[in-house]
């Protein structure tokens, strides 16, 4: 059985995003669909003085832009973001262990396109976590159709017989279309995540994976569902 997941690229996503990647055989980045403003594409949450705050990449876009067409609008965003992370996570338990890795992500982004930046970050974090799932792009398959129809077409093009979806899609996904093509639909379960040693303030599960990395380092997988903790030299 080949299992795939299809998700839009997010900026430094939370741990559940990486668990979905780790749980499948192929992860398809769904970036040739319309960009949505004030969403996870260009921002995510971090802990700042015990409170949750947004860390946002400034972008410029038009209403009709696809995610893959959106560009950053401020050249030094990466410098500002790294300084923010240093200030707020400098006292985290595993900061010394992980700072070099994370700083490298922010040192010199190779692209001005948001999607390419997101994917670069995701690939690097995958390597840190020991996730070796194949990553492709929806544009690689040249599929068309409306919401559910296109997802089915992507699954077929990728040779998948199982589609793993986030639970939010239950409100719109037409499962019958998958069943007609003999593709099983499974739903990711985000419940039951253990808490990890987080910095001050109430514990928050829905923050960026960087929060978990800075606080737990190579033990991050101990607090995830499909990722195992590994040693880093």
Protein backbone atom coordinates (compact mmCIF):
# COMPACT_ATOMS: atom_id res chain seq x y z
CA UNK A 1 0.00 0.00 0.00
CA UNK A 2 1.26 3.47 -0.89
CA UNK A 3 0.07 6.27 1.37
CA UNK A 4 0.26 9.95 0.44
CA UNK A 5 -0.59 13.26 2.06
CA UNK A 6 -1.25 16.51 0.19
CA UNK A 7 -0.84 19.81 2.04
CA UNK A 8 -0.07 23.42 1.21
CA UNK A 9 3.34 24.60 2.34
CA UNK A 10 3.42 26.35 5.72
CA UNK A 11 6.09 28.49 7.32
CA UNK A 12 7.91 26.60 10.13
CA UNK A 13 4.83 24.38 10.74
CA UNK A 14 3.80 22.77 14.02
CA UNK A 15 4.73 19.20 14.99
CA UNK A 16 1.53 17.70 13.56
CA UNK A 17 2.50 18.81 10.06
CA UNK A 18 5.77 16.90 10.31
CA UNK A 19 4.03 13.86 11.76
CA UNK A 20 1.82 13.73 8.67
CA UNK A 21 4.94 13.85 6.49
CA UNK A 22 6.55 11.07 8.52
CA UNK A 23 3.41 8.91 8.36
CA UNK A 24 3.25 8.66 4.56
CA UNK A 25 5.31 7.33 1.67
CA UNK A 26 5.03 10.52 -0.39
CA UNK A 27 4.23 14.04 0.70
CA UNK A 28 2.86 16.28 -2.05
CA UNK A 29 3.28 20.03 -1.55
CA UNK A 30 0.04 21.58 -2.81
CA UNK A 31 1.35 24.96 -3.95
CA UNK A 32 -0.34 25.59 -7.29
CA UNK A 33 -3.60 26.59 -5.60
CA UNK A 34 -4.77 30.05 -4.59
CA UNK A 35 -2.90 31.86 -1.85
CA UNK A 36 -4.96 32.62 1.25
CA UNK A 37 -4.22 35.73 3.29
CA UNK A 38 -3.78 35.59 7.09
CA UNK A 39 -3.21 31.86 6.98
CA UNK A 40 -0.34 29.47 7.81
CA UNK A 41 1.45 29.97 4.49
CA UNK A 42 3.62 32.89 5.68
CA UNK A 43 3.35 32.79 9.46
CA UNK A 44 3.36 30.58 12.52
CA UNK A 45 3.24 30.82 16.29
CA UNK A 46 6.12 30.98 18.77
CA UNK A 47 6.30 31.56 22.53
CA UNK A 48 7.27 35.10 23.56
CA UNK A 49 7.53 35.80 27.30
CA UNK A 50 5.14 32.96 28.01
CA UNK A 51 2.57 34.12 25.46
CA UNK A 52 1.84 32.92 21.94
CA UNK A 53 2.72 35.40 19.18
CA UNK A 54 2.92 35.28 15.41
CA UNK A 55 6.19 35.20 13.47
CA UNK A 56 5.29 36.44 9.99
CA UNK A 57 7.12 36.65 6.67
CA UNK A 58 5.98 39.87 4.95
CA UNK A 59 4.73 39.13 1.42
CA UNK A 60 3.17 40.89 -1.53
CA UNK A 61 0.42 39.23 -3.50
CA UNK A 62 -2.71 39.77 -5.52
CA UNK A 63 -6.08 38.10 -5.09
CA UNK A 64 -5.46 35.71 -7.99
CA UNK A 65 -1.94 34.63 -7.01
CA UNK A 66 -1.18 30.97 -6.48
CA UNK A 67 0.93 30.10 -3.45
CA UNK A 68 3.91 29.38 -5.69
CA UNK A 69 3.71 32.92 -7.16
CA UNK A 70 3.86 34.84 -3.85
CA UNK A 71 7.10 36.73 -3.09
CA UNK A 72 8.48 38.16 0.14
CA UNK A 73 8.26 41.96 0.43
CA UNK A 74 11.10 42.64 2.88
CA UNK A 75 14.63 41.47 2.06
CA UNK A 76 15.89 41.18 5.63
CA UNK A 77 12.94 39.31 7.12
CA UNK A 78 15.18 36.33 7.88
CA UNK A 79 17.60 38.46 9.93
CA UNK A 80 14.74 39.84 12.01
CA UNK A 81 13.22 36.39 12.54
CA UNK A 82 16.48 34.83 13.69
CA UNK A 83 17.07 37.66 16.16
CA UNK A 84 13.54 37.19 17.50
CA UNK A 85 14.13 33.47 17.97
CA UNK A 86 17.49 34.09 19.65
CA UNK A 87 15.98 36.56 22.11
CA UNK A 88 13.01 34.40 23.01
CA UNK A 89 14.59 30.94 22.99
CA UNK A 90 18.13 31.72 24.09
CA UNK A 91 17.42 30.22 27.51
CA UNK A 92 15.64 27.14 26.18
CA UNK A 93 17.07 23.81 27.35
CA UNK A 94 18.33 22.68 23.93
CA UNK A 95 19.12 26.07 22.38
CA UNK A 96 22.89 25.54 22.40
CA UNK A 97 22.43 22.11 20.85
CA UNK A 98 20.18 23.36 18.04
CA UNK A 99 21.06 27.02 17.46
CA UNK A 100 23.62 26.34 14.72
CA UNK A 101 21.14 24.23 12.77
CA UNK A 102 18.33 26.78 13.00
CA UNK A 103 20.59 29.75 12.34
CA UNK A 104 21.72 28.09 9.12
CA UNK A 105 18.10 28.04 7.94
CA UNK A 106 17.91 31.80 8.36
CA UNK A 107 21.39 32.73 7.19
CA UNK A 108 20.65 33.27 3.51
CA UNK A 109 17.34 32.06 2.01
CA UNK A 110 17.99 30.99 -1.58
CA UNK A 111 14.71 32.36 -2.93
CA UNK A 112 12.33 35.32 -2.76
CA UNK A 113 9.36 33.01 -3.36
CA UNK A 114 7.46 32.10 -0.19
CA UNK A 115 6.71 28.55 -1.26
CA UNK A 116 10.36 27.78 -2.02
CA UNK A 117 11.41 29.24 1.32
CA UNK A 118 8.82 27.13 3.14
CA UNK A 119 9.87 23.96 1.36
CA UNK A 120 13.56 24.59 2.06
CA UNK A 121 12.78 24.97 5.76
CA UNK A 122 10.56 21.87 5.79
CA UNK A 123 13.18 19.72 4.03
CA UNK A 124 15.91 20.82 6.45
CA UNK A 125 13.72 20.20 9.49
CA UNK A 126 12.80 16.80 8.07
CA UNK A 127 16.49 15.92 7.96
CA UNK A 128 16.98 17.11 11.54
CA UNK A 129 14.06 14.96 12.70
CA UNK A 130 15.20 11.96 10.64
CA UNK A 131 12.18 12.02 8.30
CA UNK A 132 13.07 10.57 4.89
CA UNK A 133 9.65 10.73 3.19
CA UNK A 134 9.77 11.59 -0.51
CA UNK A 135 8.54 15.14 -1.18
CA UNK A 136 7.08 16.22 -4.50
CA UNK A 137 4.94 19.13 -5.75
CA UNK A 138 1.40 19.07 -7.08
CA UNK A 139 2.67 20.95 -10.13
CA UNK A 140 4.82 17.90 -10.96
CA UNK A 141 1.65 15.96 -11.81
CA UNK A 142 -0.32 18.53 -13.86
CA UNK A 143 -3.68 17.47 -12.43
CA UNK A 144 -6.86 19.51 -12.65
CA UNK A 145 -10.36 19.51 -11.20
CA UNK A 146 -12.24 20.97 -8.28
CA UNK A 147 -11.26 20.45 -4.64
CA UNK A 148 -11.85 16.73 -4.02
CA UNK A 149 -11.59 15.75 -7.68
CA UNK A 150 -8.11 17.19 -7.94
CA UNK A 151 -6.93 15.48 -4.76
CA UNK A 152 -8.17 12.16 -6.15
CA UNK A 153 -6.36 12.84 -9.43
CA UNK A 154 -3.13 13.61 -7.55
CA UNK A 155 -3.42 10.38 -5.57
CA UNK A 156 -3.94 8.40 -8.76
CA UNK A 157 -1.03 10.13 -10.50
CA UNK A 158 1.21 9.33 -7.55
CA UNK A 159 0.11 5.69 -7.57
CA UNK A 160 -1.44 5.93 -4.10
CA UNK A 161 -4.12 3.68 -2.71
CA UNK A 162 -4.35 5.50 0.64
CA UNK A 163 -4.80 9.20 1.31
CA UNK A 164 -3.98 10.62 4.75
CA UNK A 165 -5.80 13.87 5.42
CA UNK A 166 -5.89 16.37 8.24
CA UNK A 167 -9.15 16.26 10.24
CA UNK A 168 -10.20 19.77 9.15
CA UNK A 169 -10.94 18.39 5.67
CA UNK A 170 -13.83 16.30 7.02
CA UNK A 171 -16.06 19.32 6.40
CA UNK A 172 -15.49 19.36 2.64
CA UNK A 173 -13.74 16.20 1.40
CA UNK A 174 -15.93 14.01 -0.81
CA UNK A 175 -14.78 10.58 0.37
CA UNK A 176 -17.03 8.82 -2.14
CA UNK A 177 -14.84 10.07 -4.99
CA UNK A 178 -11.85 8.34 -3.40
CA UNK A 179 -13.84 5.16 -2.80
CA UNK A 180 -14.81 5.02 -6.49
CA UNK A 181 -11.10 4.90 -7.34
CA UNK A 182 -10.41 2.34 -4.59
CA UNK A 183 -8.39 4.86 -2.58
CA UNK A 184 -8.77 4.57 1.18
CA UNK A 185 -9.09 7.80 3.14
CA UNK A 186 -7.52 7.96 6.59
CA UNK A 187 -7.72 10.87 9.02
CA UNK A 188 -4.78 12.18 11.01
CA UNK A 189 -5.43 12.18 14.76
CA UNK A 190 -3.84 15.11 16.54
CA UNK A 191 -5.11 14.19 19.98
CA UNK A 192 -2.99 12.74 22.77
CA UNK A 193 0.27 14.57 22.15
CA UNK A 194 2.37 14.55 25.33
CA UNK A 195 3.49 17.86 26.77
CA UNK A 196 7.21 18.60 26.64
CA UNK A 197 9.33 20.90 28.83
CA UNK A 198 8.29 24.26 27.42
CA UNK A 199 9.42 27.68 28.60
CA UNK A 200 7.32 29.93 30.83
CA UNK A 201 3.58 30.39 30.43
CA UNK A 202 0.78 27.87 29.88
CA UNK A 203 1.70 24.92 27.67
CA UNK A 204 0.82 25.35 23.99
CA UNK A 205 0.69 22.45 21.52
CA UNK A 206 -0.06 24.52 18.42
CA UNK A 207 3.23 26.40 18.11
CA UNK A 208 5.96 26.04 15.50
CA UNK A 209 8.12 22.91 15.45
CA UNK A 210 11.02 25.24 16.32
CA UNK A 211 9.61 25.55 19.83
CA UNK A 212 9.85 21.78 20.25
CA UNK A 213 13.34 21.69 18.73
CA UNK A 214 14.70 24.49 20.91
CA UNK A 215 13.27 22.92 24.05
CA UNK A 216 14.02 19.23 23.45
CA UNK A 217 16.71 19.02 20.74
CA UNK A 218 17.42 15.52 19.48
CA UNK A 219 14.70 14.16 21.80
CA UNK A 220 11.98 15.94 19.80
CA UNK A 221 10.68 12.66 18.39
CA UNK A 222 9.79 11.50 21.90
CA UNK A 223 6.98 14.05 21.83
CA UNK A 224 5.70 13.20 18.35
CA UNK A 225 3.68 10.30 16.93
CA UNK A 226 5.59 9.11 13.86
CA UNK A 227 9.08 10.46 14.50
CA UNK A 228 11.69 8.73 16.61
CA UNK A 229 14.30 10.63 18.66
CA UNK A 230 17.73 10.45 17.07
CA UNK A 231 21.22 11.51 18.07
CA UNK A 232 22.88 14.42 16.30
CA UNK A 233 26.64 14.87 16.20
